[in-house]
C-alpha atoms as a PDB file:
ATOM      1  CA  MET A   1      84.953   1.994 -38.658  1.00  0.00           C
ATOM      2  CA  LYS A   2      83.987   5.614 -39.594  1.00  0.00           C
ATOM      3  CA  ILE A   3      85.109   8.431 -36.746  1.00  0.00           C
ATOM      4  CA  ASN A   4      82.855  11.249 -37.453  1.00  0.00           C
ATOM      5  CA  LEU A   5      84.317  14.205 -35.221  1.00  0.00           C
ATOM      6  CA  ILE A   6      82.164  17.085 -37.332  1.00  0.00           C
ATOM      7  CA  SER A   7      80.099  18.153 -34.644  1.00  0.00           C
ATOM      8  CA  ASP A   8      78.177  16.348 -31.574  1.00  0.00           C
ATOM      9  CA  THR A   9      75.008  17.028 -34.334  1.00  0.00           C
ATOM     10  CA  VAL A  10      76.106  13.757 -35.936  1.00  0.00           C
ATOM     11  CA  THR A  11      74.595  11.269 -33.144  1.00  0.00           C
ATOM     12  CA  LYS A  12      72.013   8.518 -33.704  1.00  0.00           C
ATOM     13  CA  PRO A  13      69.413   7.991 -31.500  1.00  0.00           C
ATOM     14  CA  THR A  14      70.113   5.209 -28.831  1.00  0.00           C
ATOM     15  CA  LYS A  15      67.746   1.932 -28.567  1.00  0.00           C
ATOM     16  CA  GLY A  16      66.205   3.446 -25.409  1.00  0.00           C
ATOM     17  CA  MET A  17      65.625   6.507 -27.169  1.00  0.00           C
ATOM     18  CA  LEU A  18      64.051   5.345 -29.911  1.00  0.00           C
ATOM     19  CA  ALA A  19      61.686   3.011 -27.813  1.00  0.00           C
ATOM     20  CA  ALA A  20      60.759   6.108 -26.186  1.00  0.00           C
ATOM     21  CA  MET A  21      59.821   8.252 -29.340  1.00  0.00           C
ATOM     22  CA  MET A  22      58.124   5.074 -30.319  1.00  0.00           C
ATOM     23  CA  ASN A  23      55.655   4.819 -27.214  1.00  0.00           C
ATOM     24  CA  ALA A  24      55.309   8.467 -27.047  1.00  0.00           C
ATOM     25  CA  GLU A  25      51.739   9.822 -26.854  1.00  0.00           C
ATOM     26  CA  VAL A  26      50.989  12.628 -29.744  1.00  0.00           C
ATOM     27  CA  GLY A  27      48.322  15.129 -30.413  1.00  0.00           C
ATOM     28  CA  ASP A  28      48.300  18.041 -32.412  1.00  0.00           C
ATOM     29  CA  ASP A  29      51.439  20.586 -31.224  1.00  0.00           C
ATOM     30  CA  VAL A  30      49.889  23.905 -33.038  1.00  0.00           C
ATOM     31  CA  PHE A  31      46.598  23.354 -30.906  1.00  0.00           C
ATOM     32  CA  LYS A  32      48.832  22.800 -28.223  1.00  0.00           C
ATOM     33  CA  ALA A  33      47.024  18.981 -27.724  1.00  0.00           C
ATOM     34  CA  ASP A  34      50.424  17.326 -27.747  1.00  0.00           C
ATOM     35  CA  PRO A  35      50.907  15.637 -24.406  1.00  0.00           C
ATOM     36  CA  THR A  36      54.910  14.812 -25.075  1.00  0.00           C
ATOM     37  CA  ILE A  37      55.382  18.164 -25.738  1.00  0.00           C
ATOM     38  CA  ASN A  38      53.243  19.841 -23.165  1.00  0.00           C
ATOM     39  CA  GLN A  39      55.596  17.182 -20.964  1.00  0.00           C
ATOM     40  CA  LEU A  40      58.887  18.656 -22.148  1.00  0.00           C
ATOM     41  CA  GLN A  41      58.056  22.186 -21.933  1.00  0.00           C
ATOM     42  CA  GLU A  42      57.467  21.529 -18.122  1.00  0.00           C
ATOM     43  CA  LYS A  43      60.258  19.866 -17.760  1.00  0.00           C
ATOM     44  CA  ALA A  44      62.295  22.300 -18.737  1.00  0.00           C
ATOM     45  CA  ALA A  45      60.581  25.224 -17.053  1.00  0.00           C
ATOM     46  CA  GLN A  46      60.694  23.534 -14.106  1.00  0.00           C
ATOM     47  CA  MET A  47      64.442  22.216 -14.137  1.00  0.00           C
ATOM     48  CA  PHE A  48      65.461  26.085 -15.120  1.00  0.00           C
ATOM     49  CA  GLY A  49      63.129  27.307 -12.777  1.00  0.00           C
ATOM     50  CA  THR A  50      61.690  29.888 -15.556  1.00  0.00           C
ATOM     51  CA  GLU A  51      57.780  30.077 -15.723  1.00  0.00           C
ATOM     52  CA  ASP A  52      57.414  29.176 -19.531  1.00  0.00           C
ATOM     53  CA  ALA A  53      59.337  26.917 -22.309  1.00  0.00           C
ATOM     54  CA  LEU A  54      58.796  26.617 -26.041  1.00  0.00           C
ATOM     55  CA  PHE A  55      60.022  23.787 -28.159  1.00  0.00           C
ATOM     56  CA  PHE A  56      61.484  24.741 -31.596  1.00  0.00           C
ATOM     57  CA  PRO A  57      62.858  22.974 -34.785  1.00  0.00           C
ATOM     58  CA  SER A  58      66.125  24.349 -34.298  1.00  0.00           C
ATOM     59  CA  GLY A  59      68.093  25.999 -32.073  1.00  0.00           C
ATOM     60  CA  THR A  60      68.710  28.891 -34.803  1.00  0.00           C
ATOM     61  CA  MET A  61      64.882  29.339 -34.944  1.00  0.00           C
ATOM     62  CA  ALA A  62      65.099  29.782 -30.716  1.00  0.00           C
ATOM     63  CA  ASN A  63      67.793  32.491 -31.286  1.00  0.00           C
ATOM     64  CA  GLN A  64      65.849  34.207 -33.767  1.00  0.00           C
ATOM     65  CA  THR A  65      62.856  34.110 -31.596  1.00  0.00           C
ATOM     66  CA  ALA A  66      64.586  35.324 -28.638  1.00  0.00           C
ATOM     67  CA  ILE A  67      66.023  38.495 -30.953  1.00  0.00           C
ATOM     68  CA  LYS A  68      62.896  39.366 -32.298  1.00  0.00           C
ATOM     69  CA  LEU A  69      60.981  39.065 -29.130  1.00  0.00           C
ATOM     70  CA  HIS A  70      63.242  41.448 -27.761  1.00  0.00           C
ATOM     71  CA  THR A  71      63.873  43.987 -30.429  1.00  0.00           C
ATOM     72  CA  GLN A  72      61.929  46.307 -32.991  1.00  0.00           C
ATOM     73  CA  PRO A  73      63.941  46.972 -36.667  1.00  0.00           C
ATOM     74  CA  GLY A  74      66.594  49.476 -36.253  1.00  0.00           C
ATOM     75  CA  ASP A  75      67.372  48.411 -33.101  1.00  0.00           C
ATOM     76  CA  LYS A  76      71.055  47.362 -31.788  1.00  0.00           C
ATOM     77  CA  MET A  77      72.125  43.914 -29.977  1.00  0.00           C
ATOM     78  CA  PHE A  78      75.514  43.089 -28.744  1.00  0.00           C
ATOM     79  CA  CYS A  79      77.172  39.995 -29.045  1.00  0.00           C
ATOM     80  CA  ASP A  80      80.816  38.735 -29.176  1.00  0.00           C
ATOM     81  CA  LYS A  81      82.407  38.743 -32.519  1.00  0.00           C
ATOM     82  CA  TRP A  82      82.853  35.250 -32.261  1.00  0.00           C
ATOM     83  CA  ALA A  83      78.901  34.643 -31.499  1.00  0.00           C
ATOM     84  CA  HIS A  84      77.175  32.312 -33.266  1.00  0.00           C
ATOM     85  CA  VAL A  85      74.007  34.383 -33.592  1.00  0.00           C
ATOM     86  CA  PHE A  86      76.138  36.715 -35.959  1.00  0.00           C
ATOM     87  CA  ASN A  87      78.685  34.517 -37.722  1.00  0.00           C
ATOM     88  CA  PHE A  88      76.478  31.011 -38.206  1.00  0.00           C
ATOM     89  CA  GLU A  89      72.742  31.876 -38.821  1.00  0.00           C
ATOM     90  CA  GLY A  90      72.417  33.272 -42.023  1.00  0.00           C
ATOM     91  CA  GLY A  91      72.117  36.824 -41.199  1.00  0.00           C
ATOM     92  CA  GLY A  92      68.897  36.129 -39.436  1.00  0.00           C
ATOM     93  CA  ALA A  93      69.510  39.004 -36.664  1.00  0.00           C
ATOM     94  CA  ALA A  94      69.418  41.880 -40.043  1.00  0.00           C
ATOM     95  CA  PHE A  95      67.022  39.669 -42.273  1.00  0.00           C
ATOM     96  CA  ASN A  96      64.247  38.462 -39.697  1.00  0.00           C
ATOM     97  CA  SER A  97      64.231  41.808 -37.214  1.00  0.00           C
ATOM     98  CA  GLY A  98      66.041  44.413 -38.892  1.00  0.00           C
ATOM     99  CA  VAL A  99      68.887  44.464 -36.177  1.00  0.00           C
ATOM    100  CA  SER A 100      72.398  45.411 -36.170  1.00  0.00           C
ATOM    101  CA  SER A 101      75.211  43.759 -34.477  1.00  0.00           C
ATOM    102  CA  HIS A 102      77.711  45.539 -32.242  1.00  0.00           C
ATOM    103  CA  LEU A 103      80.420  43.102 -31.814  1.00  0.00           C
ATOM    104  CA  ILE A 104      83.380  42.959 -29.003  1.00  0.00           C
ATOM    105  CA  ASP A 105      86.182  41.783 -29.165  1.00  0.00           C
ATOM    106  CA  GLY A 106      86.029  39.037 -26.414  1.00  0.00           C
ATOM    107  CA  GLU A 107      88.351  36.403 -25.829  1.00  0.00           C
ATOM    108  CA  ARG A 108      87.334  32.360 -27.280  1.00  0.00           C
ATOM    109  CA  GLY A 109      84.099  34.034 -27.946  1.00  0.00           C
ATOM    110  CA  MET A 110      83.631  35.716 -24.077  1.00  0.00           C
ATOM    111  CA  PHE A 111      83.468  39.689 -23.649  1.00  0.00           C
ATOM    112  CA  THR A 112      83.727  40.960 -20.278  1.00  0.00           C
ATOM    113  CA  ALA A 113      81.266  43.434 -18.040  1.00  0.00           C
ATOM    114  CA  GLU A 114      83.620  45.810 -18.528  1.00  0.00           C
ATOM    115  CA  GLN A 115      83.784  45.508 -22.220  1.00  0.00           C
ATOM    116  CA  LEU A 116      79.844  45.343 -22.476  1.00  0.00           C
ATOM    117  CA  ALA A 117      79.768  48.699 -19.977  1.00  0.00           C
ATOM    118  CA  TYR A 118      82.154  50.709 -22.548  1.00  0.00           C
ATOM    119  CA  ALA A 119      80.539  49.650 -25.413  1.00  0.00           C
ATOM    120  CA  ALA A 120      77.055  50.176 -23.756  1.00  0.00           C
ATOM    121  CA  SER A 121      77.836  53.735 -22.689  1.00  0.00           C
ATOM    122  CA  GLY A 122      76.950  56.955 -23.869  1.00  0.00           C
ATOM    123  CA  GLY A 123      73.562  58.758 -23.972  1.00  0.00           C
ATOM    124  CA  ILE A 124      70.476  58.422 -26.705  1.00  0.00           C
ATOM    125  CA  ASP A 125      71.670  59.769 -30.230  1.00  0.00           C
ATOM    126  CA  ILE A 126      69.130  60.374 -32.886  1.00  0.00           C
ATOM    127  CA  HIS A 127      72.265  58.789 -35.338  1.00  0.00           C
ATOM    128  CA  SER A 128      72.736  55.617 -33.228  1.00  0.00           C
ATOM    129  CA  PRO A 129      70.132  52.680 -33.138  1.00  0.00           C
ATOM    130  CA  TYR A 130      68.641  51.782 -29.590  1.00  0.00           C
ATOM    131  CA  SER A 131      70.361  49.357 -27.514  1.00  0.00           C
ATOM    132  CA  ARG A 132      68.276  46.460 -26.563  1.00  0.00           C
ATOM    133  CA  LEU A 133      69.578  43.183 -26.708  1.00  0.00           C
ATOM    134  CA  VAL A 134      72.744  41.198 -24.717  1.00  0.00           C
ATOM    135  CA  CYS A 135      73.136  37.885 -26.457  1.00  0.00           C
ATOM    136  CA  ILE A 136      75.940  35.267 -24.829  1.00  0.00           C
ATOM    137  CA  GLU A 137      76.872  32.273 -25.859  1.00  0.00           C
ATOM    138  CA  ASN A 138      77.648  28.983 -23.647  1.00  0.00           C
ATOM    139  CA  THR A 139      79.422  26.851 -24.412  1.00  0.00           C
ATOM    140  CA  THR A 140      81.615  29.098 -27.198  1.00  0.00           C
ATOM    141  CA  ASN A 141      81.706  27.014 -30.571  1.00  0.00           C
ATOM    142  CA  LYS A 142      83.951  28.978 -32.273  1.00  0.00           C
ATOM    143  CA  GLY A 143      86.130  29.808 -28.859  1.00  0.00           C
ATOM    144  CA  GLY A 144      86.719  25.742 -28.535  1.00  0.00           C
ATOM    145  CA  GLY A 145      83.955  25.151 -25.878  1.00  0.00           C
ATOM    146  CA  ALA A 146      84.706  27.196 -23.327  1.00  0.00           C
ATOM    147  CA  CYS A 147      83.051  28.092 -20.669  1.00  0.00           C
ATOM    148  CA  TRP A 148      81.947  31.565 -19.180  1.00  0.00           C
ATOM    149  CA  ASP A 149      83.017  32.673 -15.892  1.00  0.00           C
ATOM    150  CA  PHE A 150      79.197  32.775 -14.115  1.00  0.00           C
ATOM    151  CA  GLU A 151      80.664  35.531 -11.642  1.00  0.00           C
ATOM    152  CA  GLU A 152      81.139  37.641 -14.787  1.00  0.00           C
ATOM    153  CA  LEU A 153      77.580  36.589 -15.922  1.00  0.00           C
ATOM    154  CA  LYS A 154      76.246  38.253 -12.586  1.00  0.00           C
ATOM    155  CA  LYS A 155      78.283  41.486 -13.414  1.00  0.00           C
ATOM    156  CA  ILE A 156      76.805  41.285 -17.075  1.00  0.00           C
ATOM    157  CA  LYS A 157      73.678  41.214 -15.950  1.00  0.00           C
ATOM    158  CA  GLN A 158      73.766  43.922 -13.737  1.00  0.00           C
ATOM    159  CA  ILE A 159      74.761  46.355 -16.291  1.00  0.00           C
ATOM    160  CA  CYS A 160      71.929  44.832 -18.459  1.00  0.00           C
ATOM    161  CA  LEU A 161      69.672  45.906 -16.128  1.00  0.00           C
ATOM    162  CA  ASP A 162      71.348  49.262 -15.435  1.00  0.00           C
ATOM    163  CA  ASN A 163      71.188  50.237 -19.641  1.00  0.00           C
ATOM    164  CA  GLU A 164      67.797  48.078 -19.660  1.00  0.00           C
ATOM    165  CA  LEU A 165      68.802  45.397 -21.960  1.00  0.00           C
ATOM    166  CA  ALA A 166      67.430  42.476 -22.370  1.00  0.00           C
ATOM    167  CA  LEU A 167      69.851  39.090 -21.658  1.00  0.00           C
ATOM    168  CA  HIS A 168      69.477  36.202 -23.990  1.00  0.00           C
ATOM    169  CA  LEU A 169      71.289  33.274 -23.604  1.00  0.00           C
ATOM    170  CA  ASP A 170      72.423  30.842 -26.907  1.00  0.00           C
ATOM    171  CA  GLY A 171      72.699  28.081 -24.162  1.00  0.00           C
ATOM    172  CA  ALA A 172      73.321  25.128 -27.664  1.00  0.00           C
ATOM    173  CA  ARG A 173      75.829  23.128 -25.301  1.00  0.00           C
ATOM    174  CA  LEU A 174      74.862  24.910 -21.973  1.00  0.00           C
ATOM    175  CA  PHE A 175      74.434  21.169 -20.464  1.00  0.00           C
ATOM    176  CA  ASN A 176      78.436  20.749 -21.549  1.00  0.00           C
ATOM    177  CA  ALA A 177      79.181  24.214 -19.481  1.00  0.00           C
ATOM    178  CA  LEU A 178      76.838  22.814 -16.463  1.00  0.00           C
ATOM    179  CA  VAL A 179      78.679  19.348 -16.005  1.00  0.00           C
ATOM    180  CA  ALA A 180      82.140  21.018 -16.208  1.00  0.00           C
ATOM    181  CA  LYS A 181      81.517  23.733 -14.134  1.00  0.00           C
ATOM    182  CA  ASN A 182      79.524  21.968 -11.357  1.00  0.00           C
ATOM    183  CA  GLU A 183      76.865  24.636 -12.098  1.00  0.00           C
ATOM    184  CA  THR A 184      72.639  24.396 -12.019  1.00  0.00           C
ATOM    185  CA  PRO A 185      69.992  25.139 -14.690  1.00  0.00           C
ATOM    186  CA  LYS A 186      68.407  27.231 -11.887  1.00  0.00           C
ATOM    187  CA  GLN A 187      71.279  29.802 -11.501  1.00  0.00           C
ATOM    188  CA  TYR A 188      70.932  30.492 -15.504  1.00  0.00           C
ATOM    189  CA  GLY A 189      67.322  30.604 -15.684  1.00  0.00           C
ATOM    190  CA  GLU A 190      67.362  33.646 -12.328  1.00  0.00           C
ATOM    191  CA  LEU A 191      70.141  35.219 -14.592  1.00  0.00           C
ATOM    192  CA  PHE A 192      68.694  35.304 -18.172  1.00  0.00           C
ATOM    193  CA  ASP A 193      65.574  36.659 -19.770  1.00  0.00           C
ATOM    194  CA  THR A 194      65.212  34.188 -22.139  1.00  0.00           C
ATOM    195  CA  ILE A 195      67.788  30.748 -22.529  1.00  0.00           C
ATOM    196  CA  SER A 196      67.873  28.719 -25.950  1.00  0.00           C
ATOM    197  CA  ILE A 197      68.614  24.966 -25.554  1.00  0.00           C
ATOM    198  CA  CYS A 198      69.474  22.371 -28.177  1.00  0.00           C
ATOM    199  CA  LEU A 199      68.742  18.946 -27.654  1.00  0.00           C
ATOM    200  CA  SER A 200      70.140  17.415 -30.877  1.00  0.00           C
ATOM    201  CA  LYS A 201      74.342  18.499 -29.949  1.00  0.00           C
ATOM    202  CA  GLY A 202      75.933  16.538 -26.664  1.00  0.00           C
ATOM    203  CA  LEU A 203      72.327  15.170 -25.224  1.00  0.00           C
ATOM    204  CA  GLY A 204      72.093  13.194 -28.251  1.00  0.00           C
ATOM    205  CA  ALA A 205      68.522  13.756 -29.722  1.00  0.00           C
ATOM    206  CA  PRO A 206      67.665  13.987 -33.223  1.00  0.00           C
ATOM    207  CA  VAL A 207      65.946  17.086 -33.682  1.00  0.00           C
ATOM    208  CA  GLY A 208      65.170  20.006 -31.807  1.00  0.00           C
ATOM    209  CA  SER A 209      65.790  23.026 -29.107  1.00  0.00           C
ATOM    210  CA  ILE A 210      63.917  24.764 -26.249  1.00  0.00           C
ATOM    211  CA  LEU A 211      63.500  28.602 -25.698  1.00  0.00           C
ATOM    212  CA  LEU A 212      62.666  29.725 -21.851  1.00  0.00           C
ATOM    213  CA  GLY A 213      61.588  32.678 -20.572  1.00  0.00           C
ATOM    214  CA  THR A 214      58.312  34.178 -18.802  1.00  0.00           C
ATOM    215  CA  LYS A 215      54.751  32.572 -20.365  1.00  0.00           C
ATOM    216  CA  SER A 216      54.299  36.331 -21.304  1.00  0.00           C
ATOM    217  CA  ASP A 217      57.321  36.206 -23.205  1.00  0.00           C
ATOM    218  CA  MET A 218      56.660  32.742 -24.874  1.00  0.00           C
ATOM    219  CA  ALA A 219      53.166  33.123 -25.540  1.00  0.00           C
ATOM    220  CA  LYS A 220      54.587  36.051 -28.081  1.00  0.00           C
ATOM    221  CA  ALA A 221      57.450  33.534 -29.100  1.00  0.00           C
ATOM    222  CA  LEU A 222      54.551  30.875 -30.061  1.00  0.00           C
ATOM    223  CA  ARG A 223      53.454  33.842 -32.207  1.00  0.00           C
ATOM    224  CA  ILE A 224      56.869  34.290 -34.015  1.00  0.00           C
ATOM    225  CA  ARG A 225      57.653  30.718 -34.237  1.00  0.00           C
ATOM    226  CA  LYS A 226      54.348  30.484 -36.531  1.00  0.00           C
ATOM    227  CA  LEU A 227      55.369  33.599 -38.577  1.00  0.00           C
ATOM    228  CA  PHE A 228      58.592  31.552 -38.865  1.00  0.00           C
ATOM    229  CA  GLY A 229      57.324  28.446 -40.031  1.00  0.00           C
ATOM    230  CA  GLY A 230      58.366  26.447 -36.911  1.00  0.00           C
ATOM    231  CA  ALA A 231      54.586  24.941 -35.739  1.00  0.00           C
ATOM    232  CA  MET A 232      54.229  21.587 -35.767  1.00  0.00           C
ATOM    233  CA  ARG A 233      51.705  18.831 -35.356  1.00  0.00           C
ATOM    234  CA  GLN A 234      52.950  15.283 -33.990  1.00  0.00           C
ATOM    235  CA  ALA A 235      56.243  16.832 -32.719  1.00  0.00           C
ATOM    236  CA  GLY A 236      55.735  14.517 -29.456  1.00  0.00           C
ATOM    237  CA  TYR A 237      57.886  11.811 -31.103  1.00  0.00           C
ATOM    238  CA  LEU A 238      60.721  14.236 -31.028  1.00  0.00           C
ATOM    239  CA  ALA A 239      59.947  15.687 -27.449  1.00  0.00           C
ATOM    240  CA  ALA A 240      59.940  11.824 -26.098  1.00  0.00           C
ATOM    241  CA  ALA A 241      63.382  11.831 -27.392  1.00  0.00           C
ATOM    242  CA  ALA A 242      64.363  14.747 -25.859  1.00  0.00           C
ATOM    243  CA  ILE A 243      62.627  13.685 -22.179  1.00  0.00           C
ATOM    244  CA  TYR A 244      64.524  10.897 -22.712  1.00  0.00           C
ATOM    245  CA  ALA A 245      68.004  12.676 -23.551  1.00  0.00           C
ATOM    246  CA  LEU A 246      67.919  14.921 -20.118  1.00  0.00           C
ATOM    247  CA  ASP A 247      66.838  11.814 -17.978  1.00  0.00           C
ATOM    248  CA  ASN A 248      69.883   9.969 -19.251  1.00  0.00           C
ATOM    249  CA  HIS A 249      72.446  11.504 -21.431  1.00  0.00           C
ATOM    250  CA  VAL A 250      73.108  14.384 -18.706  1.00  0.00           C
ATOM    251  CA  GLU A 251      76.045  13.301 -16.257  1.00  0.00           C
ATOM    252  CA  ARG A 252      77.641  10.943 -19.400  1.00  0.00           C
ATOM    253  CA  LEU A 253      78.823  14.439 -21.005  1.00  0.00           C
ATOM    254  CA  THR A 254      81.880  13.759 -18.985  1.00  0.00           C
ATOM    255  CA  GLU A 255      82.927  11.363 -21.315  1.00  0.00           C
ATOM    256  CA  ASP A 256      82.854  13.655 -23.662  1.00  0.00           C
ATOM    257  CA  HIS A 257      84.850  16.129 -22.490  1.00  0.00           C
ATOM    258  CA  ARG A 258      87.374  13.346 -21.159  1.00  0.00           C
ATOM    259  CA  ARG A 259      88.256  12.101 -24.540  1.00  0.00           C
ATOM    260  CA  ALA A 260      88.190  15.920 -26.304  1.00  0.00           C
ATOM    261  CA  LYS A 261      91.082  16.419 -23.491  1.00  0.00           C
ATOM    262  CA  THR A 262      92.883  13.080 -24.410  1.00  0.00           C
ATOM    263  CA  ILE A 263      92.818  14.037 -28.256  1.00  0.00           C
ATOM    264  CA  GLY A 264      94.374  17.529 -26.781  1.00  0.00           C
ATOM    265  CA  LYS A 265      96.985  15.641 -25.258  1.00  0.00           C
ATOM    266  CA  THR A 266      97.624  13.538 -28.462  1.00  0.00           C
ATOM    267  CA  LEU A 267      97.313  16.716 -30.421  1.00  0.00           C
ATOM    268  CA  GLU A 268     100.221  18.616 -28.302  1.00  0.00           C
ATOM    269  CA  SER A 269     102.747  15.549 -28.581  1.00  0.00           C
ATOM    270  CA  CYS A 270     102.291  15.467 -32.218  1.00  0.00           C
ATOM    271  CA  SER A 271     105.290  17.404 -34.482  1.00  0.00           C
ATOM    272  CA  PHE A 272     103.053  18.623 -37.057  1.00  0.00           C
ATOM    273  CA  ILE A 273     100.617  20.503 -34.662  1.00  0.00           C
ATOM    274  CA  LYS A 274     101.592  24.339 -33.768  1.00  0.00           C
ATOM    275  CA  THR A 275      98.914  24.957 -31.209  1.00  0.00           C
ATOM    276  CA  VAL A 276      96.022  23.336 -29.695  1.00  0.00           C
ATOM    277  CA  GLU A 277      93.742  25.640 -27.487  1.00  0.00           C
ATOM    278  CA  PRO A 278      92.434  25.037 -23.924  1.00  0.00           C
ATOM    279  CA  ILE A 279      89.653  22.145 -23.983  1.00  0.00           C
ATOM    280  CA  GLU A 280      87.118  22.707 -21.000  1.00  0.00           C
ATOM    281  CA  THR A 281      84.585  20.448 -22.815  1.00  0.00           C
ATOM    282  CA  ASN A 282      83.924  18.834 -26.011  1.00  0.00           C
ATOM    283  CA  ILE A 283      85.278  20.342 -28.574  1.00  0.00           C
ATOM    284  CA  VAL A 284      88.625  20.427 -29.738  1.00  0.00           C
ATOM    285  CA  ILE A 285      90.420  23.782 -31.990  1.00  0.00           C
ATOM    286  CA  PHE A 286      93.757  23.374 -32.890  1.00  0.00           C
ATOM    287  CA  TYR A 287      96.015  24.206 -35.866  1.00  0.00           C
ATOM    288  CA  VAL A 288      98.644  22.473 -37.781  1.00  0.00           C
ATOM    289  CA  ASN A 289     102.144  23.946 -38.482  1.00  0.00           C
ATOM    290  CA  ASP A 290     102.800  26.329 -41.177  1.00  0.00           C
ATOM    291  CA  SER A 291     104.337  24.342 -43.747  1.00  0.00           C
ATOM    292  CA  ILE A 292     101.172  22.047 -43.829  1.00  0.00           C
ATOM    293  CA  ASP A 293      98.129  22.712 -45.984  1.00  0.00           C
ATOM    294  CA  GLU A 294      94.932  22.197 -43.334  1.00  0.00           C
ATOM    295  CA  ILE A 295      92.762  21.092 -45.885  1.00  0.00           C
ATOM    296  CA  GLU A 296      95.278  18.519 -47.534  1.00  0.00           C
ATOM    297  CA  PHE A 297      95.454  17.542 -43.730  1.00  0.00           C
ATOM    298  CA  VAL A 298      91.773  16.940 -43.613  1.00  0.00           C
ATOM    299  CA  ASN A 299      91.781  15.379 -46.517  1.00  0.00           C
ATOM    300  CA  LYS A 300      94.349  12.772 -45.929  1.00  0.00           C
ATOM    301  CA  MET A 301      92.261  11.835 -42.476  1.00  0.00           C
ATOM    302  CA  THR A 302      89.363  11.617 -44.433  1.00  0.00           C
ATOM    303  CA  GLN A 303      90.694   8.875 -46.447  1.00  0.00           C
ATOM    304  CA  LYS A 304      91.339   6.704 -43.094  1.00  0.00           C
ATOM    305  CA  ASN A 305      87.880   7.284 -42.134  1.00  0.00           C
ATOM    306  CA  ILE A 306      88.201  10.146 -39.716  1.00  0.00           C
ATOM    307  CA  HIS A 307      86.468  12.917 -40.476  1.00  0.00           C
ATOM    308  CA  PHE A 308      86.754  16.355 -38.833  1.00  0.00           C
ATOM    309  CA  ILE A 309      86.326  20.119 -40.488  1.00  0.00           C
ATOM    310  CA  SER A 310      88.763  23.476 -40.837  1.00  0.00           C
ATOM    311  CA  MET A 311      87.256  26.385 -39.432  1.00  0.00           C
ATOM    312  CA  GLY A 312      88.825  28.527 -41.964  1.00  0.00           C
ATOM    313  CA  ASP A 313      92.386  30.700 -41.279  1.00  0.00           C
ATOM    314  CA  GLY A 314      94.031  27.380 -40.173  1.00  0.00           C
ATOM    315  CA  LYS A 315      91.622  26.719 -37.516  1.00  0.00           C
ATOM    316  CA  LEU A 316      90.722  22.790 -37.668  1.00  0.00           C
ATOM    317  CA  ARG A 317      88.313  21.261 -34.842  1.00  0.00           C
ATOM    318  CA  MET A 318      87.101  17.891 -33.508  1.00  0.00           C
ATOM    319  CA  VAL A 319      83.683  17.544 -31.242  1.00  0.00           C
ATOM    320  CA  THR A 320      83.105  14.655 -29.347  1.00  0.00           C
ATOM    321  CA  HIS A 321      79.927  13.194 -28.659  1.00  0.00           C
ATOM    322  CA  LEU A 322      77.879  10.158 -27.971  1.00  0.00           C
ATOM    323  CA  ASP A 323      78.304   7.665 -30.649  1.00  0.00           C
ATOM    324  CA  PHE A 324      82.379   8.731 -30.127  1.00  0.00           C
ATOM    325  CA  THR A 325      83.534   5.150 -28.562  1.00  0.00           C
ATOM    326  CA  GLU A 326      86.833   4.231 -26.941  1.00  0.00           C
ATOM    327  CA  GLU A 327      87.750   2.160 -29.875  1.00  0.00           C
ATOM    328  CA  MET A 328      87.354   5.115 -32.299  1.00  0.00           C
ATOM    329  CA  LEU A 329      89.529   7.319 -29.814  1.00  0.00           C
ATOM    330  CA  ASP A 330      91.960   4.526 -29.663  1.00  0.00           C
ATOM    331  CA  LYS A 331      92.374   4.554 -33.480  1.00  0.00           C
ATOM    332  CA  LEU A 332      92.125   8.368 -33.855  1.00  0.00           C
ATOM    333  CA  ILE A 333      94.963   8.566 -31.080  1.00  0.00           C
ATOM    334  CA  SER A 334      97.108   5.899 -33.540  1.00  0.00           C
ATOM    335  CA  GLU A 335      96.387   7.202 -36.703  1.00  0.00           C
ATOM    336  CA  LEU A 336      97.626  10.785 -35.621  1.00  0.00           C
ATOM    337  CA  HIS A 337     100.879   9.300 -34.075  1.00  0.00           C
ATOM    338  CA  LYS A 338     101.430   7.763 -37.763  1.00  0.00           C
ATOM    339  CA  PHE A 339     100.524  10.479 -39.785  1.00  0.00           C
END
């Protein structure tokens, strides 16, 4: 039995999802003629209360499109030092949009409104780039699936309004946050100028992300997506999987969260573990004792067919997901106790 906790992107479509994909009505989405793509976009926009939505092959492309949408070359965006848009998108903000990143020293991938206000303060100076955009990541990847406080997000929104800054949400795992915090999509749709949602992580679809925003912004995003090579033809097969995921896989995220917390408690009881970071959703971040080589530990667990990753600097990560079962959880706990 292989236990794959490398990421929540490793899931396979369920039987119900495969059936939905195989029965999808499709057309040519480049001509806006794929009915299932159109249905997904309308469904997502209605769910979040935004004017429009656009389907993308990946979350990185959706985020990079949003950055290009809100900025011009030479501009500056604000994000946390651990933000996915800065650390894990290949330098795309600089390469695709000519944008520099002002990194804020937040806590577990989350900065405060006060920190943003300080960073954004000061008048226009010919020596400095124009400040145009703030990027938020919820939940935070490197922060161990941490969820932002919504009241703090509202304060950040006000600072954006006061400073004429656009506000983008990298919501790759937003549904995990919504379930964990008992929040609604519409709360976020009202707050952010654009939102990217990943469908191939906790929701379990095989491919794709959604970008949400105004009709005007999505019309511009459509052109940017084409420029980035993201226009697809009969993509309705993928959209059908996404629709199935939104209808069937949201509430079950609580199971992923429960199992992650069980793993965390097990790790805390192991003598070879130095520390386990707080667990809110489906990501478990932990550190082994200094006397243990983290890579060697990963390799030894791999030999037992248990797979997870090192994020560097002693940080190890496990991510629970749709295909991680109770039987797998029991085996993982047993092997950790044996180590």
